Every structure is written in C-alpha cells, then in structure tokens.
Amino acid sequence: MATDSQCEAAYRRLRPYCDVLEEAGELDYGLAAGEQYYALSWLIAAILENHVTVPQEPLLDAFGLLEDEDKDEYASALDKELAQTT
C-alpha cells in the first residue's frame, strides 16, 4: 500500500490539471481531512470521468499507487483515456 506522503505527492502533481473542473475545490476536501489515499483516488476518478487532459507519466504513476480493488475499478476508463491520447 502506498504511503500518505506518496499519495499526497501524486495528488499535488495531478491536481493543477483539474482546475478546469466544476468540482475542483471539492477535490481538496479529502486532502485537507488527512485522507491522502482517498483524495488521490477521487482525483483519478474525476480525471477519468471528465476526460481531463493529463500527462501520461504522472497519471500512470498515481494509478500505480492505488490498491488493487481501485485499480480494477478504474482500469477500463484508464485504458480508454490512454487509447485516446496515443
């Protein structure tokens, strides 16, 4: 399992790309509450659901920090996003 510091660092790398989202401010609530893993998971979900343009490397790095259950949940959406950007 990823550490809180790894999750927070990945979150902070991806978060600037989400400023375009209507719920951008709400994405920070999890991090502010000390829930780094869930904040990262929700951020990845928002990126994939809203087709936010994010560089592939930090997105894949962040995805690699997820627990297997969450990876399984997001895998299909991630594959679709990656197929569109390559």
Protein backbone atom coordinates (compact mmCIF):
# COMPACT_ATOMS: atom_id res chain seq x y z
CA MET A 1 0.00 0.00 0.00
CA ALA A 2 1.20 3.48 -0.82
CA THR A 3 2.24 5.83 1.94
CA ASP A 4 0.35 9.01 2.73
CA SER A 5 3.30 11.06 1.50
CA GLN A 6 3.39 9.20 -1.83
CA CYS A 7 -0.35 9.73 -2.30
CA GLU A 8 -0.11 13.39 -1.40
CA ALA A 9 2.80 13.97 -3.77
CA ALA A 10 0.94 12.26 -6.63
CA TYR A 11 -2.19 14.27 -5.81
CA ARG A 12 -0.26 17.53 -5.90
CA ARG A 13 1.29 16.61 -9.28
CA LEU A 14 -2.12 15.92 -10.83
CA ARG A 15 -4.31 18.48 -9.09
CA PRO A 16 -3.36 21.55 -11.20
CA TYR A 17 -4.77 19.83 -14.29
CA CYS A 18 -8.18 19.69 -12.61
CA ASP A 19 -8.67 23.42 -12.14
CA VAL A 20 -10.97 23.30 -15.17
CA LEU A 21 -13.46 21.07 -13.35
CA GLU A 22 -16.58 22.49 -11.76
CA GLU A 23 -15.92 20.46 -8.60
CA ALA A 24 -12.23 21.45 -8.45
CA GLY A 25 -12.46 22.99 -4.99
CA GLU A 26 -14.25 19.95 -3.60
CA LEU A 27 -11.41 17.68 -4.69
CA ASP A 28 -9.21 19.17 -1.99
CA TYR A 29 -11.51 18.23 0.91
CA GLY A 30 -10.08 14.73 1.26
CA LEU A 31 -6.53 16.00 1.38
CA ALA A 32 -7.46 18.68 3.90
CA ALA A 33 -9.09 15.99 6.07
CA GLY A 34 -5.90 13.93 6.08
CA GLU A 35 -7.26 11.30 3.70
CA GLN A 36 -4.44 11.36 1.16
CA TYR A 37 -5.23 7.99 -0.41
CA TYR A 38 -8.92 8.74 -0.88
CA ALA A 39 -8.15 12.22 -2.18
CA LEU A 40 -5.87 10.69 -4.81
CA SER A 41 -8.40 8.02 -5.71
CA TRP A 42 -11.18 10.60 -6.10
CA LEU A 43 -8.90 12.83 -8.14
CA ILE A 44 -8.06 10.00 -10.53
CA ALA A 45 -11.77 9.20 -10.82
CA ALA A 46 -12.54 12.84 -11.64
CA ILE A 47 -9.78 12.95 -14.25
CA LEU A 48 -11.05 9.82 -15.95
CA GLU A 49 -14.77 10.65 -15.74
CA ASN A 50 -14.27 14.16 -17.09
CA HIS A 51 -11.58 13.29 -19.65
CA VAL A 52 -9.18 15.84 -18.19
CA THR A 53 -6.01 16.17 -20.22
CA VAL A 54 -3.15 14.99 -18.01
CA PRO A 55 0.35 13.88 -18.99
CA GLN A 56 0.50 10.12 -19.16
CA GLU A 57 3.50 9.61 -16.86
CA PRO A 58 2.13 11.27 -13.69
CA LEU A 59 -1.27 9.67 -14.26
CA LEU A 60 0.25 6.20 -14.54
CA ASP A 61 2.50 6.85 -11.55
CA ALA A 62 -0.54 7.84 -9.48
CA PHE A 63 -2.54 4.88 -10.76
CA GLY A 64 0.27 2.60 -9.62
CA LEU A 65 -0.25 3.79 -6.05
CA LEU A 66 -3.85 2.58 -5.94
CA GLU A 67 -4.90 -0.58 -4.18
CA ASP A 68 -5.78 -3.49 -6.47
CA GLU A 69 -9.53 -3.07 -5.90
CA ASP A 70 -9.40 0.56 -7.05
CA LYS A 71 -7.11 -0.30 -9.96
CA ASP A 72 -9.67 -2.84 -11.13
CA GLU A 73 -12.44 -0.24 -10.84
CA TYR A 74 -10.59 2.39 -12.89
CA ALA A 75 -8.69 0.15 -15.34
CA SER A 76 -11.23 0.26 -18.15
CA ALA A 77 -11.58 4.05 -18.02
CA LEU A 78 -7.81 4.45 -17.87
CA ASP A 79 -7.35 2.20 -20.89
CA LYS A 80 -9.85 4.30 -22.85
CA GLU A 81 -8.11 7.53 -21.89
CA LEU A 82 -4.71 6.19 -22.83
CA ALA A 83 -6.02 4.92 -26.17
CA GLN A 84 -7.29 8.41 -26.99
CA THR A 85 -4.01 10.10 -26.16
CA THR A 86 -1.70 7.78 -28.07
